[in-house]
Protein backbone atom coordinates (compact mmCIF):
# COMPACT_ATOMS: atom_id res chain seq x y z
CA MET A 1 81.49 33.85 82.59
CA ARG A 2 79.05 31.02 82.23
CA LEU A 3 80.14 27.68 80.90
CA SER A 4 77.57 25.42 79.33
CA LEU A 5 78.15 21.71 78.98
CA LEU A 6 76.56 20.28 75.87
CA VAL A 7 76.03 16.55 76.14
CA PHE A 8 75.21 14.43 73.09
CA LEU A 9 73.30 11.31 73.92
CA PRO A 10 73.26 8.44 71.45
CA VAL A 11 70.02 8.10 69.55
CA CYS A 12 68.33 4.75 69.95
CA ALA A 13 67.91 3.28 66.47
CA ALA A 14 65.23 0.79 65.60
CA SER A 15 64.15 -1.06 62.52
CA ILE A 16 60.46 -1.73 62.13
CA THR A 17 58.87 -3.56 59.23
CA SER A 18 55.27 -4.45 58.57
CA THR A 19 54.62 -8.16 58.10
CA GLY A 20 50.97 -7.61 57.29
CA SER A 21 47.84 -7.31 59.40
CA THR A 22 45.09 -9.68 60.48
CA ILE A 23 41.49 -8.49 60.56
CA VAL A 24 38.01 -10.03 60.64
CA LEU A 25 35.42 -8.96 58.07
CA ASN A 26 31.86 -10.22 58.61
CA ASN A 27 33.20 -12.98 60.89
CA VAL A 28 35.70 -14.17 58.26
CA PRO A 29 39.42 -13.78 59.12
CA TYR A 30 41.69 -12.10 56.57
CA TYR A 31 45.34 -11.25 56.23
CA ILE A 32 46.28 -7.93 54.61
CA SER A 33 49.45 -8.32 52.58
CA PRO A 34 52.20 -5.83 53.47
CA HIS A 35 52.98 -5.47 49.76
CA SER A 36 51.10 -2.92 47.68
CA VAL A 37 50.00 -3.92 44.18
CA GLY A 38 49.58 -0.29 43.13
CA SER A 39 48.51 3.17 44.18
CA ILE A 40 45.26 4.77 43.05
CA ALA A 41 43.70 8.23 43.06
CA LEU A 42 40.08 8.52 44.19
CA GLU A 43 37.43 11.17 44.36
CA ILE A 44 37.97 13.11 47.56
CA HIS A 45 34.80 11.99 49.36
CA ALA A 46 34.66 8.39 48.11
CA LEU A 47 35.75 6.90 51.45
CA ASP A 48 33.63 9.11 53.72
CA SER A 49 31.09 6.43 54.68
CA ILE A 50 33.29 3.32 54.37
CA ASP A 51 34.16 1.28 57.47
CA CYS A 52 37.91 1.07 58.11
CA VAL A 53 40.27 -0.72 60.48
CA PHE A 54 43.96 0.16 60.95
CA GLY A 55 43.37 2.71 58.19
CA PHE A 56 42.37 -0.01 55.70
CA ALA A 57 39.03 -0.09 53.89
CA PRO A 58 37.67 -3.23 52.17
CA VAL A 59 36.99 -2.43 48.51
CA SER A 60 36.43 -4.19 45.19
CA VAL A 61 38.11 -3.36 41.90
CA LEU A 62 35.63 -3.97 39.07
CA PRO A 63 36.56 -5.35 35.65
CA PRO A 64 37.40 -2.59 33.12
CA GLY A 65 34.33 -1.10 31.48
CA THR A 66 31.83 -2.41 34.04
CA GLN A 67 28.50 -0.58 33.86
CA PRO A 68 26.18 -0.18 36.88
CA ASP A 69 23.73 -2.69 35.40
CA ASP A 70 26.56 -5.26 35.13
CA ILE A 71 27.57 -5.21 38.78
CA SER A 72 25.06 -7.78 40.04
CA ARG A 73 26.18 -10.20 37.33
CA VAL A 74 29.85 -9.58 38.17
CA PHE A 75 29.30 -10.27 41.87
CA THR A 76 27.30 -13.42 41.12
CA SER A 77 30.24 -14.70 39.08
CA TRP A 78 32.73 -13.75 41.78
CA ASN A 79 30.76 -15.52 44.50
CA ALA A 80 30.63 -18.67 42.38
CA THR A 81 34.36 -18.80 41.65
CA ASP A 82 36.12 -17.20 44.60
CA ASP A 83 36.21 -18.01 48.31
CA VAL A 84 37.94 -14.75 49.29
CA PHE A 85 35.36 -12.27 47.99
CA GLN A 86 32.30 -11.62 50.16
CA PRO A 87 29.67 -8.84 50.61
CA GLY A 88 31.97 -6.94 52.97
CA PHE A 89 34.09 -5.94 49.98
CA SER A 90 31.10 -4.44 48.18
CA GLN A 91 30.77 -1.31 50.35
CA LEU A 92 32.94 0.54 47.85
CA MET A 93 33.40 -0.61 44.27
CA LEU A 94 36.12 0.98 42.19
CA ASN A 95 35.75 1.56 38.47
CA GLU A 96 38.80 2.67 36.49
CA THR A 97 38.62 5.97 34.63
CA GLN A 98 41.04 8.08 32.60
CA SER A 99 40.13 11.29 34.43
CA LEU A 100 38.54 12.24 37.73
CA ASN A 101 37.24 15.53 36.34
CA ASN A 102 33.46 15.77 36.73
CA SER A 103 33.27 12.18 38.04
CA THR A 104 30.96 11.45 40.96
CA THR A 105 30.18 8.59 43.26
CA GLN A 106 26.86 6.84 42.89
CA LYS A 107 24.77 4.38 44.84
CA VAL A 108 23.91 1.05 43.23
CA GLU A 109 21.54 -1.70 44.36
CA VAL A 110 23.34 -5.03 44.01
CA THR A 111 21.30 -8.23 44.05
CA GLY A 112 21.93 -10.09 47.29
CA GLN A 113 24.42 -7.47 48.54
CA GLY A 114 22.32 -4.37 49.30
CA THR A 115 23.34 -0.82 48.45
CA SER A 116 26.91 -0.21 47.34
CA THR A 117 28.93 2.84 46.41
CA VAL A 118 30.62 3.00 43.01
CA ALA A 119 33.54 5.39 42.68
CA SER A 120 35.95 6.14 39.87
CA TYR A 121 39.69 5.75 40.33
CA MET A 122 42.88 6.35 38.39
CA ALA A 123 45.98 4.15 38.53
CA GLU A 124 49.38 4.23 36.87
CA SER A 125 49.06 0.56 35.91
CA ARG A 126 46.20 -1.90 35.56
CA VAL A 127 45.01 -3.49 38.79
CA SER A 128 43.46 -6.96 38.60
CA GLU A 129 39.80 -7.23 39.51
CA GLY A 130 38.76 -8.57 42.88
CA PRO A 131 38.72 -7.76 46.62
CA TYR A 132 41.39 -5.54 48.18
CA PHE A 133 42.17 -3.52 51.26
CA LEU A 134 42.75 0.17 50.48
CA ASP A 135 45.12 2.18 52.66
CA LYS A 136 43.23 5.46 53.13
CA THR A 137 46.41 7.38 53.92
CA THR A 138 48.53 6.36 50.93
CA GLY A 139 45.99 5.19 48.37
CA ASN A 140 47.82 1.87 48.13
CA LEU A 141 45.88 -1.32 47.35
CA HIS A 142 46.81 -4.48 49.23
CA GLN A 143 45.72 -7.99 48.32
CA ALA A 144 43.29 -9.81 50.60
CA TYR A 145 44.19 -13.29 51.85
CA ARG A 146 41.51 -15.42 53.44
CA LEU A 147 42.82 -17.31 56.45
CA TYR A 148 42.06 -20.99 56.94
CA ASP A 149 42.79 -23.21 59.92
CA ASP A 150 45.11 -26.13 59.16
CA PHE A 151 43.04 -28.47 61.30
CA ALA A 152 44.60 -31.57 59.71
CA GLY A 153 48.06 -30.47 60.85
CA ALA A 154 49.41 -30.84 57.32
CA PHE A 155 51.55 -27.70 57.04
CA THR A 156 54.89 -26.70 58.52
CA GLU A 157 54.66 -23.06 57.44
CA ALA A 158 52.30 -20.60 55.76
CA LEU A 159 54.01 -18.60 53.02
CA LEU A 160 53.62 -15.23 51.33
CA ASP A 161 55.10 -14.54 47.90
CA ASN A 162 57.12 -11.31 48.00
CA ASN A 163 56.74 -10.92 44.22
CA ASP A 164 60.51 -10.67 43.82
CA GLY A 165 61.41 -14.35 43.63
CA THR A 166 61.46 -14.80 47.40
CA PHE A 167 58.98 -15.83 50.10
CA GLN A 168 58.39 -14.89 53.69
CA VAL A 169 56.43 -16.49 56.48
CA LEU A 170 52.80 -15.36 56.39
CA SER A 171 52.46 -14.04 59.93
CA ALA A 172 48.84 -14.61 60.89
CA LYS A 173 46.85 -16.79 63.26
CA VAL A 174 43.18 -17.60 63.56
CA ALA A 175 41.44 -19.58 66.28
CA GLY A 176 42.53 -23.21 66.29
CA SER A 177 43.91 -25.82 68.66
CA ALA A 178 47.71 -25.97 68.18
CA THR A 179 47.33 -25.45 64.43
CA SER A 180 48.75 -23.14 61.78
CA SER A 181 46.78 -20.64 59.73
CA ILE A 182 47.18 -20.63 55.94
CA GLY A 183 46.39 -17.59 53.81
CA VAL A 184 45.09 -17.86 50.25
CA PRO A 185 44.75 -14.92 47.83
CA SER A 186 41.65 -14.26 45.76
CA ARG A 187 41.38 -16.40 42.63
CA LEU A 188 40.11 -13.28 40.85
CA TYR A 189 43.60 -11.78 40.72
CA TYR A 190 44.73 -14.40 38.22
CA LYS A 191 43.78 -15.17 34.63
CA PRO A 192 45.18 -18.36 33.05
CA SER A 193 46.97 -17.79 29.75
CA LYS A 194 49.21 -19.67 27.37
CA GLU A 195 52.23 -18.27 29.20
CA LYS A 196 50.75 -18.91 32.66
CA PRO A 197 48.46 -21.95 32.41
CA LEU A 198 48.50 -22.45 36.19
CA ALA A 199 47.63 -18.85 37.08
CA GLY A 200 45.93 -18.82 40.48
CA VAL A 201 46.32 -22.55 41.16
CA ARG A 202 46.98 -22.89 44.89
CA ILE A 203 49.84 -25.23 45.64
CA ALA A 204 51.50 -26.52 48.79
CA VAL A 205 55.03 -27.88 48.67
CA LYS A 206 56.62 -30.73 50.58
CA ASP A 207 59.16 -29.34 53.02
CA ILE A 208 62.21 -30.73 51.26
CA PHE A 209 62.03 -28.20 48.41
CA SER A 210 63.87 -24.93 48.90
CA LEU A 211 62.05 -21.65 48.48
CA ALA A 212 64.12 -18.47 48.67
CA GLY A 213 63.60 -16.73 52.00
CA VAL A 214 62.17 -19.79 53.77
CA LYS A 215 64.23 -21.66 56.35
CA ARG A 216 64.77 -25.40 56.46
CA SER A 217 63.47 -26.40 53.08
CA ASN A 218 65.58 -27.98 50.38
CA GLY A 219 64.59 -27.93 46.74
CA ASN A 220 63.30 -26.25 43.63
CA ARG A 221 61.25 -23.10 43.12
CA ALA A 222 60.99 -22.11 39.48
CA TRP A 223 58.88 -24.43 37.34
CA LEU A 224 55.37 -24.01 38.75
CA ILE A 225 55.74 -20.42 39.94
CA GLU A 226 56.75 -19.22 36.49
CA ALA A 227 53.55 -20.81 35.17
CA GLY A 228 51.50 -18.68 37.59
CA ALA A 229 51.00 -21.09 40.49
CA VAL A 230 50.48 -19.61 43.97
CA ILE A 231 52.58 -21.27 46.68
CA VAL A 232 50.65 -21.06 49.96
CA GLY A 233 52.87 -23.08 52.28
CA THR A 234 55.22 -25.95 53.01
CA GLN A 235 54.00 -29.29 54.30
CA LYS A 236 54.97 -31.98 56.77
CA LEU A 237 56.80 -35.14 55.80
CA SER A 238 58.07 -38.08 57.76
CA GLN A 239 61.56 -37.38 59.09
CA PHE A 240 64.18 -37.40 56.32
CA ALA A 241 61.41 -38.70 54.00
CA THR A 242 61.74 -42.22 55.43
CA SER A 243 59.01 -44.68 56.36
CA GLU A 244 57.35 -43.91 59.70
CA VAL A 245 54.17 -45.09 61.37
CA ALA A 246 51.78 -42.47 62.74
CA THR A 247 52.02 -41.42 65.40
CA VAL A 248 54.46 -43.57 67.34
CA ASP A 249 57.43 -42.84 65.04
CA TRP A 250 56.73 -39.10 64.78
CA VAL A 251 58.64 -37.44 67.62
CA ASP A 252 59.80 -33.95 66.58
CA TYR A 253 56.53 -33.19 64.81
CA HIS A 254 53.06 -34.67 65.09
CA SER A 255 51.84 -36.62 62.11
CA PRO A 256 49.10 -34.99 60.00
CA PHE A 257 45.58 -36.36 60.39
CA ASN A 258 44.06 -38.33 57.53
CA PRO A 259 40.48 -36.97 57.26
CA ARG A 260 38.99 -40.14 55.80
CA GLY A 261 36.88 -42.47 57.92
CA ASP A 262 37.02 -41.69 61.62
CA GLY A 263 39.69 -39.01 61.11
CA TYR A 264 42.42 -40.97 62.88
CA GLN A 265 43.75 -43.10 60.03
CA ASP A 266 47.46 -43.12 59.15
CA PRO A 267 48.15 -40.52 56.41
CA SER A 268 51.02 -42.73 55.23
CA GLU A 269 54.38 -41.32 54.24
CA SER A 270 56.55 -39.60 53.34
CA SER A 271 54.38 -36.93 51.64
CA SER A 272 52.04 -37.13 54.61
CA GLY A 273 50.93 -33.51 54.72
CA ALA A 274 50.30 -33.55 50.99
CA GLY A 275 47.78 -36.38 51.09
CA ALA A 276 46.04 -35.16 54.24
CA SER A 277 45.65 -31.61 52.93
CA VAL A 278 44.32 -32.46 49.47
CA ALA A 279 41.73 -34.73 51.09
CA SER A 280 40.82 -32.09 53.70
CA TYR A 281 40.79 -28.64 52.07
CA ASP A 282 38.77 -27.51 49.07
CA TRP A 283 40.71 -24.22 49.18
CA LEU A 284 43.90 -26.09 48.20
CA ASP A 285 44.17 -27.34 44.62
CA VAL A 286 47.33 -29.44 44.61
CA ALA A 287 50.24 -30.61 46.73
CA VAL A 288 53.75 -31.23 45.38
CA GLY A 289 55.54 -34.25 46.78
CA THR A 290 58.37 -36.63 46.08
CA ASP A 291 58.16 -40.36 45.47
CA THR A 292 61.03 -42.79 45.98
CA GLY A 293 59.24 -46.01 46.86
CA GLY A 294 55.65 -44.89 47.34
CA SER A 295 55.94 -41.51 49.09
CA ILE A 296 53.25 -39.96 46.87
CA ARG A 297 51.31 -43.05 45.86
CA SER A 298 50.78 -44.35 49.37
CA PRO A 299 49.43 -41.07 50.84
CA ALA A 300 47.30 -40.66 47.69
CA GLY A 301 45.89 -44.15 48.14
CA VAL A 302 44.89 -43.84 51.79
CA SER A 303 43.52 -40.34 51.14
CA GLY A 304 41.53 -41.38 48.06
CA VAL A 305 43.05 -38.84 45.64
CA PHE A 306 45.10 -38.99 42.45
CA GLY A 307 48.88 -39.19 42.77
CA ASN A 308 51.79 -40.08 40.53
CA ARG A 309 55.32 -41.36 40.61
CA ALA A 310 56.83 -39.85 37.47
CA SER A 311 59.23 -41.63 35.18
CA HIS A 312 62.65 -41.25 36.76
CA GLY A 313 64.62 -38.27 35.50
CA LEU A 314 61.77 -36.19 34.04
CA VAL A 315 62.76 -33.11 36.05
CA SER A 316 65.89 -31.97 37.83
CA LEU A 317 66.07 -32.64 41.55
CA ASP A 318 68.84 -30.16 42.24
CA HIS A 319 68.54 -28.74 45.77
CA VAL A 320 65.94 -31.33 46.79
CA MET A 321 66.82 -33.32 49.90
CA PRO A 322 67.58 -36.80 48.55
CA LEU A 323 66.38 -40.11 49.89
CA SER A 324 67.95 -42.15 47.09
CA GLU A 325 68.93 -40.33 43.92
CA PRO A 326 68.55 -43.36 41.59
CA LEU A 327 64.93 -43.65 42.75
CA ASP A 328 63.78 -40.11 43.67
CA THR A 329 61.06 -38.43 41.58
CA VAL A 330 58.71 -35.43 41.90
CA GLY A 331 54.95 -35.65 41.44
CA PHE A 332 51.56 -34.34 42.51
CA LEU A 333 48.54 -35.16 44.65
CA VAL A 334 45.30 -33.75 43.25
CA ARG A 335 41.55 -34.28 43.16
CA ASP A 336 41.07 -33.24 39.51
CA PRO A 337 42.86 -35.29 36.80
CA ALA A 338 42.48 -32.45 34.27
CA LEU A 339 44.55 -30.21 36.55
CA TRP A 340 46.93 -33.15 37.07
CA GLU A 341 47.57 -33.17 33.32
CA LYS A 342 48.29 -29.41 33.24
CA LEU A 343 50.66 -29.66 36.18
CA GLN A 344 52.67 -32.45 34.58
CA THR A 345 52.85 -30.56 31.28
CA VAL A 346 54.39 -27.58 33.10
CA MET A 347 56.61 -29.49 35.53
CA TYR A 348 58.14 -32.02 33.16
CA GLY A 349 58.33 -29.74 30.11
CA SER A 350 59.85 -31.28 27.00
CA ASN A 351 60.25 -34.62 28.79
CA TYR A 352 56.46 -34.99 28.96
CA THR A 353 54.16 -35.93 26.09
CA SER A 354 50.69 -34.54 26.72
CA LEU A 355 47.81 -36.54 25.27
CA ALA A 356 45.11 -34.15 26.49
CA SER A 357 44.12 -33.11 22.96
CA LEU A 358 44.83 -36.47 21.30
CA GLN A 359 43.05 -39.80 21.24
CA PRO A 360 45.58 -42.32 22.53
CA LYS A 361 45.65 -45.99 21.67
CA TYR A 362 45.60 -47.69 25.04
CA PRO A 363 47.13 -51.11 25.76
CA VAL A 364 44.48 -53.83 25.77
CA ASN A 365 46.18 -56.50 27.89
CA ILE A 366 45.78 -55.77 31.60
CA MET A 367 47.99 -57.69 34.03
CA THR A 368 47.16 -57.66 37.73
CA VAL A 369 50.03 -57.89 40.22
CA ALA A 370 49.64 -58.84 43.90
CA TYR A 371 45.90 -58.43 43.38
CA PRO A 372 43.37 -59.63 45.99
CA ASP A 373 40.56 -62.06 45.33
CA SER A 374 36.90 -61.10 45.66
CA SER A 375 36.39 -62.49 49.16
CA THR A 376 36.37 -59.00 50.68
CA GLU A 377 34.42 -55.87 49.84
CA ALA A 378 37.64 -54.11 48.80
CA GLY A 379 38.69 -57.10 46.70
CA ARG A 380 35.34 -57.12 44.91
CA LEU A 381 35.69 -53.41 44.16
CA LEU A 382 39.16 -53.90 42.71
CA ASN A 383 38.21 -56.89 40.59
CA ASN A 384 35.10 -55.14 39.31
CA PHE A 385 37.28 -52.20 38.37
CA ALA A 386 39.66 -54.48 36.45
CA VAL A 387 36.76 -55.98 34.49
CA THR A 388 35.25 -52.54 33.82
CA LEU A 389 38.60 -51.16 32.70
CA ALA A 390 39.13 -54.10 30.36
CA LYS A 391 35.72 -53.52 28.84
CA PHE A 392 36.48 -49.81 28.40
CA LEU A 393 39.80 -50.61 26.70
CA GLY A 394 38.37 -53.49 24.68
CA GLY A 395 40.90 -55.83 26.25
CA ASN A 396 41.33 -58.64 28.76
CA VAL A 397 42.65 -59.24 32.26
CA SER A 398 45.37 -61.72 33.23
CA THR A 399 47.45 -62.35 36.35
CA LEU A 400 51.16 -61.54 36.52
CA ASP A 401 53.40 -63.23 39.09
CA VAL A 402 56.61 -61.21 38.86
CA ALA A 403 58.75 -63.64 40.87
CA SER A 404 57.63 -66.64 38.80
CA ALA A 405 58.17 -64.73 35.56
CA TRP A 406 61.70 -63.92 36.70
CA THR A 407 62.44 -67.56 37.50
CA ARG A 408 61.16 -68.72 34.12
CA SER A 409 62.99 -66.13 32.05
CA LYS A 410 66.25 -65.40 33.82
CA THR A 411 69.37 -65.80 31.74
CA ASP A 412 72.99 -64.84 32.09
CA PRO A 413 74.37 -62.72 33.68
CA PHE A 414 71.79 -63.14 36.48
CA ALA A 415 70.81 -66.78 36.08
CA ASN A 416 71.77 -67.66 39.65
CA LEU A 417 70.07 -64.74 41.38
CA ASN A 418 67.25 -65.63 43.75
CA PHE A 419 64.41 -63.15 43.20
CA THR A 420 63.36 -62.72 46.83
CA GLU A 421 66.86 -62.67 48.30
CA SER A 422 68.22 -60.29 45.68
CA PHE A 423 65.45 -57.73 45.41
CA ASN A 424 63.75 -57.61 48.80
CA ILE A 425 66.74 -55.72 50.21
CA THR A 426 67.48 -53.57 47.14
CA TYR A 427 65.15 -50.73 48.06
CA PRO A 428 66.03 -50.49 51.78
CA VAL A 429 69.75 -50.51 50.95
CA LEU A 430 69.43 -47.77 48.33
CA THR A 431 67.36 -45.59 50.64
CA GLY A 432 69.31 -46.42 53.80
CA LYS A 433 72.65 -45.50 52.25
CA GLY A 434 71.32 -42.84 49.88
CA GLN A 435 71.46 -40.08 52.50
CA ASN A 436 75.02 -40.67 53.71
CA ASN A 437 76.39 -37.38 52.39
CA LEU A 438 73.44 -35.43 53.78
CA THR A 439 73.43 -37.02 57.22
CA ASN A 440 77.21 -37.03 57.67
CA GLN A 441 77.27 -33.27 57.06
CA PHE A 442 74.23 -32.76 59.30
CA PHE A 443 75.87 -34.58 62.21
CA ALA A 444 79.17 -32.75 61.68
CA ASP A 445 77.49 -29.32 61.56
CA TYR A 446 75.45 -30.05 64.68
CA ALA A 447 78.51 -31.28 66.58
CA SER A 448 80.50 -28.16 65.68
CA LEU A 449 77.72 -25.94 67.03
CA HIS A 450 77.01 -27.94 70.19
CA ASP A 451 80.35 -29.05 71.62
CA GLY A 452 80.44 -32.42 69.86
CA ARG A 453 76.90 -33.46 70.71
CA ARG A 454 74.71 -35.59 68.43
CA PRO A 455 71.27 -34.37 67.30
CA PHE A 456 68.11 -36.28 68.04
CA VAL A 457 66.81 -38.34 65.11
CA ASN A 458 63.58 -40.32 65.07
CA PRO A 459 63.93 -44.11 65.57
CA SER A 460 62.86 -45.10 62.04
CA PRO A 461 65.56 -43.31 60.01
CA LEU A 462 68.22 -44.26 62.58
CA ALA A 463 67.30 -47.93 62.25
CA ARG A 464 67.25 -47.70 58.45
CA TRP A 465 70.69 -46.09 58.27
CA ALA A 466 72.22 -48.56 60.75
CA TRP A 467 70.81 -51.60 58.94
CA ALA A 468 71.90 -50.45 55.48
CA ALA A 469 75.47 -49.82 56.66
CA ASN A 470 76.08 -53.59 56.48
CA TYR A 471 75.26 -53.85 52.76
CA SER A 472 76.78 -52.77 49.47
CA TRP A 473 75.41 -49.72 47.64
CA ASP A 474 76.99 -50.80 44.37
CA GLU A 475 75.43 -54.26 44.50
CA ALA A 476 71.99 -52.85 45.30
CA LEU A 477 72.26 -50.31 42.48
CA HIS A 478 73.36 -53.05 40.07
CA ASN A 479 70.39 -55.24 41.04
CA LYS A 480 67.97 -52.32 40.68
CA THR A 481 69.26 -51.49 37.20
CA MET A 482 69.22 -55.12 36.12
CA PHE A 483 65.65 -55.69 37.29
CA ALA A 484 64.38 -52.44 35.76
CA ASP A 485 65.91 -53.36 32.39
CA TRP A 486 64.38 -56.83 32.53
CA PHE A 487 60.94 -55.58 33.54
CA MET A 488 60.91 -52.90 30.86
CA VAL A 489 61.75 -55.33 28.06
CA LYS A 490 59.60 -58.17 29.36
CA PHE A 491 56.42 -56.26 30.16
CA CYS A 492 56.43 -52.52 29.50
CA LEU A 493 57.43 -52.72 25.84
CA GLN A 494 54.58 -55.11 25.21
CA PRO A 495 50.98 -53.92 24.58
CA ALA A 496 50.00 -54.41 28.21
CA THR A 497 49.31 -52.35 31.32
CA PRO A 498 50.31 -53.89 34.68
CA PHE A 499 48.35 -52.65 37.65
CA ASN A 500 48.19 -53.53 41.29
CA ALA A 501 46.65 -52.80 44.63
CA PRO A 502 49.32 -51.49 45.16
CA LEU A 503 52.60 -53.06 44.02
CA PRO A 504 55.10 -53.71 46.83
CA SER A 505 57.87 -51.13 46.64
CA SER A 506 60.56 -53.80 46.40
CA TYR A 507 59.03 -54.90 43.09
CA ILE A 508 58.48 -51.51 41.46
CA PRO A 509 60.92 -50.83 38.61
CA ALA A 510 62.50 -47.48 39.41
CA ARG A 511 62.21 -45.96 35.95
CA GLN A 512 58.56 -46.53 35.06
CA ALA A 513 55.61 -44.17 35.37
CA HIS A 514 53.14 -45.19 38.07
CA SER A 515 49.96 -43.55 39.31
CA LEU A 516 47.39 -44.13 42.04
CA ARG A 517 43.69 -43.44 41.69
CA GLU A 518 40.71 -44.18 43.88
CA THR A 519 38.26 -46.83 42.70
CA GLY A 520 35.64 -46.49 45.42
CA GLU A 521 35.26 -46.94 49.15
CA VAL A 522 34.31 -49.57 51.67
CA SER A 523 32.68 -49.44 55.09
CA LYS A 524 34.80 -50.47 58.06
CA PHE A 525 33.84 -50.53 61.72
CA SER A 526 35.72 -47.94 63.78
CA ASN A 527 36.52 -48.68 67.40
CA LEU A 528 36.83 -44.94 67.93
CA THR A 529 33.41 -43.83 66.73
CA ASN A 530 31.61 -47.15 67.31
CA HIS A 531 30.19 -46.76 63.80
CA ASP A 532 30.93 -48.01 60.32
CA GLU A 533 33.05 -45.42 58.51
CA LYS A 534 33.99 -45.23 54.84
CA LEU A 535 37.58 -45.70 53.69
CA PRO A 536 38.93 -45.30 50.14
CA VAL A 537 40.07 -48.18 47.95
CA ALA A 538 42.81 -47.33 45.44
CA VAL A 539 44.51 -49.03 42.52
CA GLY A 540 47.96 -48.40 41.04
CA ILE A 541 48.52 -48.42 37.29
CA LEU A 542 52.00 -48.85 35.83
CA ALA A 543 53.13 -47.85 32.35
CA ALA A 544 56.44 -47.76 30.49
CA LYS A 545 59.00 -45.04 31.15
CA GLY A 546 57.94 -41.86 29.39
CA CYS A 547 54.25 -42.80 29.24
CA ASP A 548 53.24 -40.44 32.05
CA GLY A 549 50.88 -38.58 29.73
CA LEU A 550 49.07 -41.83 28.97
CA LEU A 551 48.27 -42.35 32.65
CA ALA A 552 46.98 -38.80 33.09
CA ARG A 553 44.80 -39.08 29.98
CA LEU A 554 43.47 -42.46 31.15
CA ALA A 555 42.42 -40.91 34.46
CA MET A 556 40.63 -38.10 32.61
CA ASP A 557 38.84 -40.56 30.32
CA LEU A 558 37.77 -42.80 33.20
CA VAL A 559 36.27 -39.80 34.99
CA ASP A 560 34.49 -38.69 31.81
CA GLU A 561 33.05 -42.21 31.43
CA GLY A 562 31.86 -42.28 35.04
CA ILE A 563 34.13 -45.24 35.87
CA LEU A 564 36.02 -43.07 38.35
CA LYS A 565 34.70 -40.08 40.27
CA ILE A 566 36.48 -36.88 41.20
CA PRO A 567 37.08 -37.30 44.95
CA GLN A 568 35.68 -34.71 47.32
CA VAL A 569 37.20 -33.39 50.53
CA GLY A 570 35.79 -34.73 53.77
CA SER A 571 35.42 -37.95 55.70
CA SER A 572 34.79 -39.93 52.51
CA ILE A 573 35.61 -39.48 48.84
CA SER A 574 31.96 -38.48 48.39
CA GLY A 575 32.34 -35.69 50.96
CA GLY A 576 30.89 -35.47 54.43
CA PRO A 577 31.93 -33.76 57.67
CA ILE A 578 35.41 -34.51 58.98
CA LEU A 579 35.15 -36.11 62.39
CA PHE A 580 38.25 -34.87 64.22
C-alpha cells in the first residue's frame, strides 16, 4: 500500500491596480489616465503601422462628420486652442461610423503634420474629439494628460478626477529639481454650455478645501466641478492660513516662488501657491483661495493678477479650515477678468448679481485711502490711475482718512472708543482665537497617537495664538461688527468708491466686496541679478456688500478701454522669461 500526503499550501494573494502610465511623445511628457472613457471597434488592420508603448497607441478622435478635406483645418484649430494635442497624435485619426462593413483606412496629407492614417471606428457612446491613447488589446480609449513641472513650487499635490465624485493623486513625475508634476487634460474634451459654463477651465484649489479621496485638505468640492471645471491639484498655503514671511517662517514646507522680478520675491500669504501659479503658468486658468484679511488680495497684488475678497457670506464655508469664521471668504486669482466674472456667477449663485450683460451706473466719487503721493514711480502710477479712472467714470477723486472720519462722526454707543486702540487689535484677536476648536482637537489627536507629545507648529501661528489668548473674542467681534456697520452707512451706501494701495487689513470692513487689480509695473534694482527688474503695482477697490458683480464688470470695462491690461505669465506682467 502506498500512502500519498497531499499538502495544500496557501496561495499568496495580491491586489494590483493601475494608477496610470507616464510616457514621452515627441519629447513631451504625458500621463495616460487609468480610466477608460469608452471602448471602440476598429478595422482589423488600422493599427498595423502605428507606434505603440505599453500597448498604447496615440490617436486622435475627429469631430463627427469630418471629411478628409477638413482635417487640416481641424488640426489648425486644435493647435491654436489646445496645449495637449501635437503631431504625434495624428498618426492615426479616428472617424466615427455606424458600420465597419466595407470601410477602409486611407492616407491623408495634413498641412504641417505629414501623412496620416484615417480609420473608421464604432463606439457605444459618443467620444469627445481630441487626443487619446488607445489600448490595442482592449480597444479602450484613455485621456491624455500633458505633464508640466511645478517649478514655482506652488502645488502640494497633483490630482486626477475619477469621474465618480472622487479624486486620486495623479502619480507621475517629469524631470525637475525637487518639484511636483501637474497633469492637465486636453481642452478639446470639453465644450462650454449653459449647464456647464466652466467646461474645461483648469483650476487649482488651496489646500484647505476638502476633495473626496484626497488626504489633508479641508473644504468644498461641488460648485465649480458641477459647472464643468477641471481640478488639477491642490496648492500651498502658509501654515494654518496665517501670516508668514517667506522663507524664514516656512518650516514644514518651502514657500512658493513669486515669478515676478528676479524670481525671489515674497509670494505673500496665505494663498501663496495660488498667486505664484497664476503668475507662472499659462496652462492654469484660475486658482481658488480664501481671504480673511488679505489672503487672496495680497498674493494677487504682488503677483500682478486679479483677485477678490467676496462679500462675506456669499457661499457656504462648510468643511473649509477656518481662520476666523466672521471674516473668512472664498475667491479667485485669475489673469482674465471675463473668466473672473463667470467664476463668481457659478460660485456665488443666487447671492451674486452679474452685470456682464448690463450697463451699470458706476459711482462717480472716488475716495483714496492710505494712498501714496507721487514722489515715487509707484506712487505716480497709482495717482495717474486714480485720475484716469475718475475721467472714465465721469467723477472726481478725494482723500478719505478713516480714523479722522471716525473721530468726527462717532456717537453713542461708541463715543469713547479710540480708533487706533480699538481696531488695530480686532483682526489679530479674531484670527488668533478663531482656530481654537481646530487647534485644540489637532493637539489632542496628535497627543493620543504619540504618547502625549505635541506636534511641531511654525513660529508665526504659535505666536499669534499665544498673543490672542490674552484678549476677548466677544469684544473683538463686537468692535468688528460696530465698525463694519458704521463704514457701510457712512461710505458704502453713498455714491462713492473707496480704493487704496492697499487698505491695511485692520481697517477693512469684513462684509464688503474688495478686489485687487494690477495698474502697471515699476523697475527696481535687484541685488540678486544686479539688474533692474520689473515688479507689479496693484490697487484695491472696495464696494458695498453685495456689489461683487460691479467690481468684476469694472475690471472688464477697464481692460476693454485699455486702462488695464490682461497680465501675462512670466517675470513681468508683460511676460518675459522667469529667472529662477
